[in-house]
Amino acid sequence: MDAKKVLLVLVVVFVGFWMFTDPNGLADTAKTGGVMGWDLLSQLFGAVIDFVSAL
């Protein structure tokens, strides 16, 4: 079995276990991660707009 497939199976099993043992913790972590990802994406686009404007 390919290493990527094994890693994917392990991640799926871990998230599934986490979902059954602590669903509120998983939801909070997903929410926080989504907010952080959106903030980083907004900063990236702002930096690209500033760079293009400076040209």
N, C-alpha and C. Protein backbone atom coordinates (compact mmCIF):
# COMPACT_ATOMS: atom_id res chain seq x y z
N MET A 1 0.85 -1.18 0.00
CA MET A 1 0.00 0.00 0.00
C MET A 1 0.89 1.24 0.00
N ASP A 2 0.49 2.23 -0.72
CA ASP A 2 1.25 3.47 -0.84
C ASP A 2 1.23 4.23 0.49
N ALA A 3 2.31 4.94 0.77
CA ALA A 3 2.42 5.67 2.03
C ALA A 3 1.35 6.75 2.15
N LYS A 4 0.99 7.38 1.03
CA LYS A 4 -0.04 8.42 1.06
C LYS A 4 -1.40 7.83 1.44
N LYS A 5 -1.68 6.64 0.95
CA LYS A 5 -2.95 6.00 1.27
C LYS A 5 -3.01 5.61 2.75
N VAL A 6 -1.89 5.12 3.26
CA VAL A 6 -1.84 4.76 4.67
C VAL A 6 -2.03 5.98 5.54
N LEU A 7 -1.37 7.08 5.19
CA LEU A 7 -1.52 8.32 5.94
C LEU A 7 -2.95 8.82 5.88
N LEU A 8 -3.58 8.76 4.72
CA LEU A 8 -4.96 9.18 4.58
C LEU A 8 -5.89 8.34 5.44
N VAL A 9 -5.68 7.03 5.45
CA VAL A 9 -6.51 6.14 6.28
C VAL A 9 -6.32 6.48 7.76
N LEU A 10 -5.09 6.72 8.19
CA LEU A 10 -4.84 7.08 9.58
C LEU A 10 -5.51 8.39 9.96
N VAL A 11 -5.47 9.37 9.08
CA VAL A 11 -6.12 10.65 9.36
C VAL A 11 -7.63 10.48 9.46
N VAL A 12 -8.21 9.71 8.55
CA VAL A 12 -9.65 9.48 8.57
C VAL A 12 -10.07 8.75 9.86
N VAL A 13 -9.30 7.75 10.24
CA VAL A 13 -9.60 7.02 11.48
C VAL A 13 -9.48 7.93 12.69
N PHE A 14 -8.44 8.76 12.71
CA PHE A 14 -8.25 9.68 13.83
C PHE A 14 -9.40 10.68 13.93
N VAL A 15 -9.79 11.28 12.81
CA VAL A 15 -10.89 12.26 12.83
C VAL A 15 -12.20 11.57 13.20
N GLY A 16 -12.42 10.37 12.70
CA GLY A 16 -13.61 9.62 13.07
C GLY A 16 -13.65 9.32 14.56
N PHE A 17 -12.52 8.90 15.13
CA PHE A 17 -12.45 8.64 16.57
C PHE A 17 -12.70 9.92 17.35
N TRP A 18 -12.11 11.02 16.90
CA TRP A 18 -12.27 12.32 17.57
C TRP A 18 -13.73 12.76 17.50
N MET A 19 -14.39 12.51 16.37
CA MET A 19 -15.78 12.92 16.20
C MET A 19 -16.69 12.17 17.19
N PHE A 20 -16.39 10.91 17.46
CA PHE A 20 -17.24 10.14 18.37
C PHE A 20 -16.90 10.41 19.83
N THR A 21 -15.65 10.73 20.15
CA THR A 21 -15.27 10.93 21.54
C THR A 21 -15.44 12.37 22.01
N ASP A 22 -15.23 13.36 21.12
CA ASP A 22 -15.32 14.76 21.51
C ASP A 22 -15.82 15.60 20.32
N PRO A 23 -17.12 15.49 19.99
CA PRO A 23 -17.61 16.22 18.82
C PRO A 23 -17.55 17.74 18.98
N ASN A 24 -17.75 18.24 20.19
CA ASN A 24 -17.68 19.70 20.40
C ASN A 24 -16.25 20.21 20.20
N GLY A 25 -15.28 19.46 20.66
CA GLY A 25 -13.88 19.85 20.47
C GLY A 25 -13.49 19.86 19.01
N LEU A 26 -13.98 18.86 18.26
CA LEU A 26 -13.70 18.81 16.82
C LEU A 26 -14.35 19.99 16.11
N ALA A 27 -15.57 20.31 16.49
CA ALA A 27 -16.27 21.45 15.86
C ALA A 27 -15.56 22.76 16.17
N ASP A 28 -15.12 22.94 17.42
CA ASP A 28 -14.40 24.16 17.78
C ASP A 28 -13.09 24.28 17.02
N THR A 29 -12.38 23.16 16.89
CA THR A 29 -11.11 23.17 16.17
C THR A 29 -11.33 23.47 14.69
N ALA A 30 -12.36 22.88 14.09
CA ALA A 30 -12.65 23.14 12.69
C ALA A 30 -13.04 24.60 12.47
N LYS A 31 -13.83 25.14 13.39
CA LYS A 31 -14.24 26.54 13.28
C LYS A 31 -13.04 27.47 13.39
N THR A 32 -12.18 27.21 14.37
CA THR A 32 -10.99 28.03 14.56
C THR A 32 -10.06 27.93 13.35
N GLY A 33 -9.90 26.72 12.84
CA GLY A 33 -9.05 26.53 11.66
C GLY A 33 -9.61 27.24 10.44
N GLY A 34 -10.91 27.20 10.28
CA GLY A 34 -11.54 27.90 9.16
C GLY A 34 -11.36 29.39 9.24
N VAL A 35 -11.52 29.94 10.44
CA VAL A 35 -11.35 31.39 10.63
C VAL A 35 -9.90 31.78 10.37
N MET A 36 -8.96 30.99 10.88
CA MET A 36 -7.55 31.30 10.65
C MET A 36 -7.20 31.20 9.17
N GLY A 37 -7.73 30.20 8.49
CA GLY A 37 -7.48 30.05 7.06
C GLY A 37 -8.03 31.22 6.26
N TRP A 38 -9.23 31.66 6.62
CA TRP A 38 -9.84 32.80 5.93
C TRP A 38 -9.03 34.07 6.16
N ASP A 39 -8.56 34.28 7.39
CA ASP A 39 -7.73 35.45 7.68
C ASP A 39 -6.43 35.44 6.88
N LEU A 40 -5.79 34.28 6.81
CA LEU A 40 -4.55 34.18 6.03
C LEU A 40 -4.80 34.43 4.55
N LEU A 41 -5.91 33.90 4.04
CA LEU A 41 -6.24 34.11 2.63
C LEU A 41 -6.54 35.58 2.35
N SER A 42 -7.22 36.23 3.27
CA SER A 42 -7.50 37.67 3.12
C SER A 42 -6.22 38.48 3.13
N GLN A 43 -5.29 38.14 4.02
CA GLN A 43 -4.01 38.84 4.07
C GLN A 43 -3.22 38.62 2.78
N LEU A 44 -3.26 37.41 2.26
CA LEU A 44 -2.54 37.11 1.02
C LEU A 44 -3.09 37.94 -0.13
N PHE A 45 -4.41 37.96 -0.28
CA PHE A 45 -4.99 38.74 -1.37
C PHE A 45 -4.74 40.23 -1.19
N GLY A 46 -4.77 40.71 0.06
CA GLY A 46 -4.45 42.12 0.32
C GLY A 46 -3.02 42.45 -0.08
N ALA A 47 -2.09 41.53 0.23
CA ALA A 47 -0.69 41.75 -0.13
C ALA A 47 -0.51 41.73 -1.64
N VAL A 48 -1.20 40.84 -2.33
CA VAL A 48 -1.10 40.79 -3.80
C VAL A 48 -1.67 42.07 -4.40
N ILE A 49 -2.79 42.55 -3.89
CA ILE A 49 -3.39 43.79 -4.40
C ILE A 49 -2.45 44.96 -4.16
N ASP A 50 -1.85 45.04 -2.97
CA ASP A 50 -0.90 46.11 -2.68
C ASP A 50 0.32 46.05 -3.60
N PHE A 51 0.80 44.83 -3.88
CA PHE A 51 1.96 44.67 -4.75
C PHE A 51 1.63 45.11 -6.18
N VAL A 52 0.47 44.69 -6.68
CA VAL A 52 0.09 45.05 -8.06
C VAL A 52 -0.16 46.56 -8.14
N SER A 53 -0.74 47.13 -7.10
CA SER A 53 -0.99 48.59 -7.09
C SER A 53 0.31 49.37 -7.09
N ALA A 54 1.35 48.82 -6.43
CA ALA A 54 2.63 49.52 -6.36
C ALA A 54 3.38 49.48 -7.70
N LEU A 55 3.00 48.54 -8.56
CA LEU A 55 3.68 48.48 -9.85
C LEU A 55 3.22 49.60 -10.69
